Amino acid sequence: MKEFEPSRDFVWKVMQSVRASQAKARAGNRPMIPELLLSSRLVRVSLSAGGAMIGIINLIRISLIFLSPTLCR
């Protein structure tokens, strides 16, 4: 079987078609709401802070589960 030799501009042609298809896909789609929200730094920081607060509250809650029986005696 003869070995395949791509043309010199094979990669360039393939990348051009990939870029064209991606541009067509982006042009037809509006950004979704979560994508728009997560592009905002303020929203990302507030989500991180909220997650940290919930984690701290859960740690306190778990520690009180173990401490409350000893406090009630």
C-alpha atoms as a PDB file:
ATOM      1  CA  MET A   1       0.000   0.000   0.000  1.00  0.00           C
ATOM      2  CA  LYS A   2       1.280   3.426  -0.904  1.00  0.00           C
ATOM      3  CA  GLU A   3       2.093   5.694   2.028  1.00  0.00           C
ATOM      4  CA  PHE A   4      -0.020   8.810   2.434  1.00  0.00           C
ATOM      5  CA  GLU A   5       1.781  12.118   1.987  1.00  0.00           C
ATOM      6  CA  PRO A   6      -0.304  15.164   2.942  1.00  0.00           C
ATOM      7  CA  SER A   7       0.076  18.306   0.900  1.00  0.00           C
ATOM      8  CA  ARG A   8       2.176  21.155   2.258  1.00  0.00           C
ATOM      9  CA  ASP A   9      -0.834  23.241   3.236  1.00  0.00           C
ATOM     10  CA  PHE A  10      -2.893  20.355   4.639  1.00  0.00           C
ATOM     11  CA  VAL A  11      -2.769  21.598   8.250  1.00  0.00           C
ATOM     12  CA  TRP A  12      -3.568  25.145   7.169  1.00  0.00           C
ATOM     13  CA  LYS A  13      -6.639  23.997   5.211  1.00  0.00           C
ATOM     14  CA  VAL A  14      -7.901  21.863   8.063  1.00  0.00           C
ATOM     15  CA  MET A  15      -7.432  24.665  10.593  1.00  0.00           C
ATOM     16  CA  GLN A  16      -9.215  27.118   8.297  1.00  0.00           C
ATOM     17  CA  SER A  17     -12.217  24.795   8.078  1.00  0.00           C
ATOM     18  CA  VAL A  18     -12.193  24.279  11.866  1.00  0.00           C
ATOM     19  CA  ARG A  19     -12.085  28.036  12.479  1.00  0.00           C
ATOM     20  CA  ALA A  20     -14.881  28.595   9.969  1.00  0.00           C
ATOM     21  CA  SER A  21     -17.118  25.991  11.582  1.00  0.00           C
ATOM     22  CA  GLN A  22     -16.449  27.399  15.056  1.00  0.00           C
ATOM     23  CA  ALA A  23     -17.225  30.922  13.872  1.00  0.00           C
ATOM     24  CA  LYS A  24     -20.482  29.703  12.333  1.00  0.00           C
ATOM     25  CA  ALA A  25     -21.409  27.894  15.559  1.00  0.00           C
ATOM     26  CA  ARG A  26     -20.666  30.985  17.661  1.00  0.00           C
ATOM     27  CA  ALA A  27     -22.550  33.333  15.357  1.00  0.00           C
ATOM     28  CA  GLY A  28     -25.763  31.329  15.614  1.00  0.00           C
ATOM     29  CA  ASN A  29     -25.731  30.878  19.388  1.00  0.00           C
ATOM     30  CA  ARG A  30     -26.312  33.527  21.994  1.00  0.00           C
ATOM     31  CA  PRO A  31     -24.322  33.077  25.199  1.00  0.00           C
ATOM     32  CA  MET A  32     -26.354  31.264  27.844  1.00  0.00           C
ATOM     33  CA  ILE A  33     -27.285  32.945  31.113  1.00  0.00           C
ATOM     34  CA  PRO A  34     -24.900  30.900  33.317  1.00  0.00           C
ATOM     35  CA  GLU A  35     -22.075  31.697  30.916  1.00  0.00           C
ATOM     36  CA  LEU A  36     -22.884  35.400  31.120  1.00  0.00           C
ATOM     37  CA  LEU A  37     -23.143  35.321  34.909  1.00  0.00           C
ATOM     38  CA  LEU A  38     -19.910  33.418  35.427  1.00  0.00           C
ATOM     39  CA  SER A  39     -18.034  35.864  33.233  1.00  0.00           C
ATOM     40  CA  SER A  40     -18.617  38.481  35.943  1.00  0.00           C
ATOM     41  CA  ARG A  41     -15.879  38.583  38.572  1.00  0.00           C
ATOM     42  CA  LEU A  42     -18.323  39.807  41.230  1.00  0.00           C
ATOM     43  CA  VAL A  43     -20.594  36.793  40.726  1.00  0.00           C
ATOM     44  CA  ARG A  44     -17.675  34.352  40.892  1.00  0.00           C
ATOM     45  CA  VAL A  45     -16.338  35.935  44.082  1.00  0.00           C
ATOM     46  CA  SER A  46     -19.773  35.962  45.722  1.00  0.00           C
ATOM     47  CA  LEU A  47     -20.364  32.308  44.785  1.00  0.00           C
ATOM     48  CA  SER A  48     -16.993  31.365  46.253  1.00  0.00           C
ATOM     49  CA  ALA A  49     -17.669  33.316  49.440  1.00  0.00           C
ATOM     50  CA  GLY A  50     -21.128  31.764  49.759  1.00  0.00           C
ATOM     51  CA  GLY A  51     -19.689  28.276  49.315  1.00  0.00           C
ATOM     52  CA  ALA A  52     -17.042  28.977  51.948  1.00  0.00           C
ATOM     53  CA  MET A  53     -19.695  30.232  54.381  1.00  0.00           C
ATOM     54  CA  ILE A  54     -21.843  27.138  53.838  1.00  0.00           C
ATOM     55  CA  GLY A  55     -18.766  24.959  54.409  1.00  0.00           C
ATOM     56  CA  ILE A  56     -17.942  26.727  57.677  1.00  0.00           C
ATOM     57  CA  ILE A  57     -21.554  26.416  58.852  1.00  0.00           C
ATOM     58  CA  ASN A  58     -21.513  22.699  58.055  1.00  0.00           C
ATOM     59  CA  LEU A  59     -18.257  22.217  59.973  1.00  0.00           C
ATOM     60  CA  ILE A  60     -19.777  23.968  62.995  1.00  0.00           C
ATOM     61  CA  ARG A  61     -22.922  21.854  62.668  1.00  0.00           C
ATOM     62  CA  ILE A  62     -20.931  18.612  62.509  1.00  0.00           C
ATOM     63  CA  SER A  63     -18.809  19.569  65.518  1.00  0.00           C
ATOM     64  CA  LEU A  64     -21.956  20.433  67.511  1.00  0.00           C
ATOM     65  CA  ILE A  65     -23.348  16.968  66.774  1.00  0.00           C
ATOM     66  CA  PHE A  66     -20.421  15.502  68.691  1.00  0.00           C
ATOM     67  CA  LEU A  67     -20.302  18.164  71.423  1.00  0.00           C
ATOM     68  CA  SER A  68     -24.017  18.434  72.246  1.00  0.00           C
ATOM     69  CA  PRO A  69     -24.387  15.048  73.995  1.00  0.00           C
ATOM     70  CA  THR A  70     -21.530  15.919  76.342  1.00  0.00           C
ATOM     71  CA  LEU A  71     -22.942  19.375  77.031  1.00  0.00           C
ATOM     72  CA  CYS A  72     -26.372  17.977  77.883  1.00  0.00           C
ATOM     73  CA  ARG A  73     -25.118  15.586  80.549  1.00  0.00           C
END
